[in-house]
Protein backbone atom coordinates (compact mmCIF):
# COMPACT_ATOMS: atom_id res chain seq x y z
CA MET A 1 54.12 -62.95 -56.37
CA LYS A 2 52.18 -65.37 -54.23
CA LYS A 3 52.49 -63.02 -51.21
CA ILE A 4 51.18 -60.07 -53.22
CA LEU A 5 48.22 -62.13 -54.42
CA LEU A 6 47.36 -63.28 -50.88
CA GLY A 7 47.52 -59.70 -49.57
CA ALA A 8 45.14 -58.46 -52.25
CA VAL A 9 42.66 -61.27 -51.53
CA SER A 10 42.77 -60.39 -47.78
CA LEU A 11 42.00 -56.74 -48.44
CA ILE A 12 39.04 -57.63 -50.65
CA ALA A 13 37.67 -59.99 -47.99
CA MET A 14 37.96 -57.34 -45.24
CA GLY A 15 36.13 -54.80 -47.42
CA ALA A 16 33.23 -57.18 -47.89
CA VAL A 17 32.93 -57.99 -44.19
CA ALA A 18 33.12 -54.35 -42.91
CA PRO A 19 29.62 -53.21 -44.07
CA ALA A 20 27.99 -56.27 -42.51
CA PHE A 21 29.83 -55.60 -39.23
CA ALA A 22 28.73 -51.98 -39.22
CA ALA A 23 25.12 -53.03 -39.82
CA ASP A 24 25.28 -55.19 -36.70
CA LEU A 25 26.19 -52.18 -34.46
CA ALA A 26 23.36 -50.62 -32.40
CA ALA A 27 21.93 -47.33 -33.68
CA ARG A 28 23.03 -44.22 -31.77
CA PRO A 29 20.29 -43.18 -29.31
CA TYR A 30 18.46 -39.82 -29.92
CA THR A 31 18.42 -37.35 -27.04
CA LYS A 32 15.57 -34.79 -27.02
CA ALA A 33 16.61 -31.18 -26.39
CA PRO A 34 15.66 -29.87 -22.90
CA PRO A 35 12.58 -27.63 -22.74
CA PRO A 36 13.18 -23.86 -22.72
CA VAL A 37 13.47 -22.10 -19.38
CA VAL A 38 10.16 -20.56 -18.24
CA ALA A 39 10.41 -17.11 -16.64
CA PRO A 40 7.40 -16.31 -14.38
CA ILE A 41 5.64 -12.94 -14.67
CA TYR A 42 3.55 -11.63 -11.77
CA ASP A 43 0.23 -10.20 -12.96
CA TRP A 44 -1.19 -7.39 -10.76
CA THR A 45 -4.55 -7.22 -12.56
CA GLY A 46 -7.65 -8.01 -10.53
CA PHE A 47 -9.81 -7.13 -7.53
CA TYR A 48 -8.15 -7.37 -4.13
CA ILE A 49 -9.06 -7.15 -0.46
CA GLY A 50 -6.74 -6.80 2.47
CA ALA A 51 -5.93 -5.64 5.98
CA ASN A 52 -3.59 -2.98 7.31
CA GLY A 53 -2.25 -1.72 10.59
CA GLY A 54 0.29 0.78 11.80
CA TRP A 55 0.80 4.22 13.28
CA ALA A 56 -0.62 7.69 12.66
CA GLN A 57 0.04 11.20 13.91
CA SER A 58 -2.43 14.08 13.84
CA ARG A 59 -1.56 17.75 14.27
CA SER A 60 -4.40 20.04 15.33
CA CYS A 61 -4.31 23.83 15.80
CA TRP A 62 -7.07 25.65 17.69
CA ASP A 63 -8.12 29.23 16.96
CA PHE A 64 -10.90 31.33 18.42
CA VAL A 65 -12.67 33.67 16.01
CA VAL A 66 -14.60 36.70 17.32
CA ALA A 67 -16.03 39.26 14.90
CA GLY A 68 -13.59 38.11 12.23
CA LEU A 69 -10.57 38.42 14.53
CA VAL A 70 -8.55 35.23 15.02
CA THR A 71 -6.84 34.41 18.32
CA ALA A 72 -4.54 31.37 18.24
CA ASP A 73 -4.71 28.96 21.17
CA GLY A 74 -1.79 26.76 20.15
CA CYS A 75 -1.21 23.49 18.31
CA ARG A 76 -0.91 19.95 19.55
CA THR A 77 0.40 16.74 18.01
CA GLN A 78 -1.07 13.41 18.95
CA SER A 79 -0.21 9.91 17.74
CA GLY A 80 -1.58 6.41 18.10
CA GLY A 81 -2.36 3.16 16.39
CA VAL A 82 -4.56 2.46 13.38
CA VAL A 83 -5.99 -0.78 12.04
CA GLY A 84 -8.39 -1.46 9.22
CA GLY A 85 -8.87 -2.81 5.73
CA GLN A 86 -8.84 -1.91 2.04
CA LEU A 87 -10.65 -2.98 -1.12
CA GLY A 88 -9.61 -2.11 -4.65
CA TYR A 89 -8.97 -3.03 -8.25
CA ARG A 90 -5.79 -2.84 -10.33
CA TRP A 91 -5.07 -3.40 -14.00
CA GLN A 92 -1.65 -3.78 -15.60
CA ALA A 93 -0.50 -2.57 -19.02
CA GLY A 94 3.08 -3.60 -19.66
CA GLY A 95 5.03 -2.53 -16.60
CA TRP A 96 2.50 0.18 -15.64
CA VAL A 97 -0.14 -0.56 -13.02
CA PHE A 98 -3.27 1.57 -12.45
CA GLY A 99 -5.83 1.20 -9.70
CA VAL A 100 -8.58 2.55 -7.46
CA GLU A 101 -8.94 1.80 -3.75
CA GLY A 102 -11.11 2.46 -0.72
CA GLN A 103 -9.61 2.19 2.76
CA GLY A 104 -11.11 2.48 6.24
CA ASP A 105 -9.25 2.46 9.57
CA TRP A 106 -10.19 2.59 13.20
CA ALA A 107 -7.86 4.98 15.05
CA ASN A 108 -6.93 5.86 18.60
CA ILE A 109 -5.20 9.23 18.31
CA ARG A 110 -5.72 11.60 21.24
CA SER A 111 -3.96 14.50 22.98
CA THR A 112 -4.80 17.14 25.62
CA ARG A 113 -3.19 20.56 25.95
CA VAL A 114 -3.62 23.42 28.43
CA SER A 115 -5.27 26.42 26.78
CA VAL A 116 -2.89 29.32 26.09
CA ILE A 117 -5.69 31.86 26.44
CA ALA A 118 -7.32 30.46 29.60
CA PRO A 119 -4.99 28.10 31.53
CA ALA A 120 -7.88 26.96 33.74
CA PHE A 121 -9.14 25.02 30.70
CA SER A 122 -7.62 22.31 28.53
CA THR A 123 -8.49 21.39 24.98
CA GLU A 124 -8.56 17.81 23.77
CA ALA A 125 -8.57 16.51 20.18
CA ARG A 126 -9.28 12.91 19.26
CA VAL A 127 -9.33 11.06 15.91
CA ASP A 128 -11.19 7.74 16.01
CA GLY A 129 -11.63 6.96 12.31
CA ILE A 130 -9.84 7.55 8.98
CA GLY A 131 -11.05 6.84 5.45
CA LEU A 132 -9.35 7.16 2.05
CA ILE A 133 -10.75 6.99 -1.50
CA THR A 134 -7.82 7.12 -3.92
CA GLY A 135 -6.49 6.43 -7.37
CA GLN A 136 -3.12 4.75 -7.92
CA ILE A 137 -0.42 4.73 -10.57
CA GLY A 138 2.66 2.58 -10.28
CA TYR A 139 5.31 0.57 -12.07
CA ALA A 140 5.96 -3.14 -11.54
CA TRP A 141 9.22 -5.01 -11.83
CA ASN A 142 7.63 -8.44 -11.99
CA ALA A 143 6.46 -9.14 -8.38
CA SER A 144 7.71 -5.80 -7.01
CA LEU A 145 5.35 -2.81 -7.32
CA PHE A 146 6.11 0.84 -6.50
CA TYR A 147 3.14 3.23 -6.65
CA LEU A 148 1.85 6.73 -5.93
CA LYS A 149 -1.70 7.48 -4.82
CA GLY A 150 -3.96 10.46 -4.26
CA GLY A 151 -7.57 11.35 -3.68
CA ALA A 152 -10.06 12.16 -0.93
CA ALA A 153 -9.71 11.66 2.82
CA VAL A 154 -12.19 11.75 5.69
CA THR A 155 -11.66 11.73 9.46
CA SER A 156 -14.02 11.22 12.38
CA ASN A 157 -13.16 13.59 15.24
CA ARG A 158 -14.19 14.62 18.71
CA PHE A 159 -13.10 17.85 20.39
CA ASP A 160 -13.52 18.68 24.08
CA ILE A 161 -12.93 21.66 26.35
CA LEU A 162 -12.03 20.42 29.83
CA THR A 163 -11.69 21.89 33.28
CA GLY A 164 -10.53 19.81 36.20
CA GLY A 165 -10.42 16.83 33.87
CA VAL A 166 -14.16 17.11 33.15
CA SER A 167 -15.56 17.97 29.72
CA VAL A 168 -17.63 21.16 29.82
CA ALA A 169 -18.08 21.51 26.04
CA SER A 170 -17.75 19.02 23.22
CA ALA A 171 -18.13 18.78 19.47
CA SER A 172 -18.02 15.89 16.99
CA SER A 173 -17.25 16.30 13.32
CA THR A 174 -16.68 14.35 10.13
CA ARG A 175 -14.13 16.22 8.05
CA TRP A 176 -13.27 15.83 4.38
CA GLY A 177 -9.95 16.71 2.79
CA GLY A 178 -7.31 15.39 0.43
CA THR A 179 -4.51 12.86 0.62
CA VAL A 180 -1.35 11.85 -1.21
CA GLY A 181 0.73 8.77 -0.56
CA VAL A 182 3.43 6.42 -1.73
CA GLY A 183 3.83 2.67 -1.28
CA TRP A 184 5.74 -0.47 -2.16
CA GLU A 185 4.21 -3.92 -2.44
CA TYR A 186 5.68 -7.35 -3.17
CA GLY A 187 3.86 -10.43 -4.46
CA PHE A 188 5.16 -13.28 -2.34
CA ALA A 189 2.66 -15.84 -3.69
CA PRO A 190 0.49 -16.07 -6.84
CA ASN A 191 -2.43 -14.18 -5.24
CA TRP A 192 -0.87 -12.73 -2.08
CA SER A 193 1.13 -9.54 -1.61
CA ALA A 194 2.46 -7.50 1.29
CA GLY A 195 3.83 -3.98 1.50
CA ILE A 196 4.24 -0.72 3.34
CA GLU A 197 2.54 2.63 2.66
CA TYR A 198 2.80 6.26 3.78
CA ASP A 199 -0.08 8.74 3.47
CA HIS A 200 -0.40 12.42 4.31
CA LEU A 201 -3.89 13.84 4.85
CA PHE A 202 -4.60 17.54 4.26
CA MET A 203 -7.77 18.20 6.26
CA GLY A 204 -7.71 22.02 6.22
CA HIS A 205 -9.62 23.89 8.92
CA SER A 206 -13.27 24.21 9.88
CA ASN A 207 -15.43 25.91 12.47
CA ASN A 208 -16.94 23.65 15.12
CA SER A 209 -20.17 24.15 17.05
CA PHE A 210 -19.76 22.99 20.64
CA SER A 211 -22.52 21.62 22.84
CA VAL A 212 -22.57 24.84 24.91
CA ALA A 213 -21.37 28.41 24.45
CA ASN A 214 -17.60 28.67 24.25
CA PRO A 215 -16.39 28.72 27.87
CA ILE A 216 -12.89 29.97 27.00
CA VAL A 217 -13.80 32.99 24.86
CA ALA A 218 -17.44 33.99 25.15
CA GLY A 219 -19.21 34.15 21.80
CA ALA A 220 -16.19 32.87 19.89
CA LEU A 221 -16.20 30.26 17.16
CA ASN A 222 -13.72 27.40 17.44
CA ARG A 223 -11.70 26.99 14.23
CA ILE A 224 -9.61 23.82 14.24
CA SER A 225 -7.13 22.82 11.53
CA GLN A 226 -5.86 19.29 11.08
CA ASP A 227 -3.22 17.27 9.19
CA VAL A 228 -2.55 13.55 9.57
CA ASP A 229 0.48 11.39 8.72
CA MET A 230 -0.03 7.64 8.54
CA VAL A 231 2.30 4.66 8.01
CA THR A 232 0.76 1.21 7.58
CA VAL A 233 1.83 -2.34 6.79
CA ARG A 234 -0.56 -4.02 4.36
CA VAL A 235 -1.43 -7.58 3.26
CA ASN A 236 -3.66 -8.12 0.21
CA TYR A 237 -5.34 -11.10 -1.45
CA ARG A 238 -6.00 -10.65 -5.18
CA PHE A 239 -8.90 -12.32 -6.97
CA GLY A 240 -7.22 -12.78 -10.32
CA GLY A 241 -5.41 -15.19 -12.59
CA PRO A 242 -2.25 -17.03 -11.58
CA ILE A 243 1.27 -16.00 -12.46
CA VAL A 244 1.66 -16.29 -16.24
CA ALA A 245 4.72 -17.70 -17.99
CA ARG A 246 7.08 -16.14 -20.48
CA TYR A 247 9.53 -18.13 -22.66
């Protein structure tokens, strides 16, 4: 009986001491949840200015027109380098990106070909300037933008008729036409992007008045058609807000 009584007293004493012991334990520290992951979104909206450089090829076909009759004198393809700049504005709505742009390039595209009609003469075509005024529509996957463009094109040209390597007749012209193109651009920094672009210029044909009477076909008009293909690498700086964040 005594052992049972002592056991009961011990249990009661332990029950009284346990809450006090628990109160003496340090409180469990609170750990704050980590902040949510921030996913950056590249914003293409804003004015931009940039530089470009690359390669272009021009195809010119010469015809002589007398009393409405056309005599072909052959085509020539010339290629060379281009370098210049562009200025534009883009605005983004969701993934779609719209824009307008003006571009101007200095060019060095020249070729000379012996005349089919009069082999004693050669004809030379030279393109020394290219301009584009275009609209753009594209779709952006964050910092990667794919776009199409189209609008007006202008070229600065000089045409010569040569004999013995000496120009005996020349004409200069500024020609207007149309252009379509496609490009890809990547934003590698908050306000910087780089890309590559291809453009085709449809310049049609026009009659050219030379400095003297046509020495190849007397009394003939020179009708010259032209198309240009151009591939350029571009770098742009955008005057706009920084990359925005999405949670």
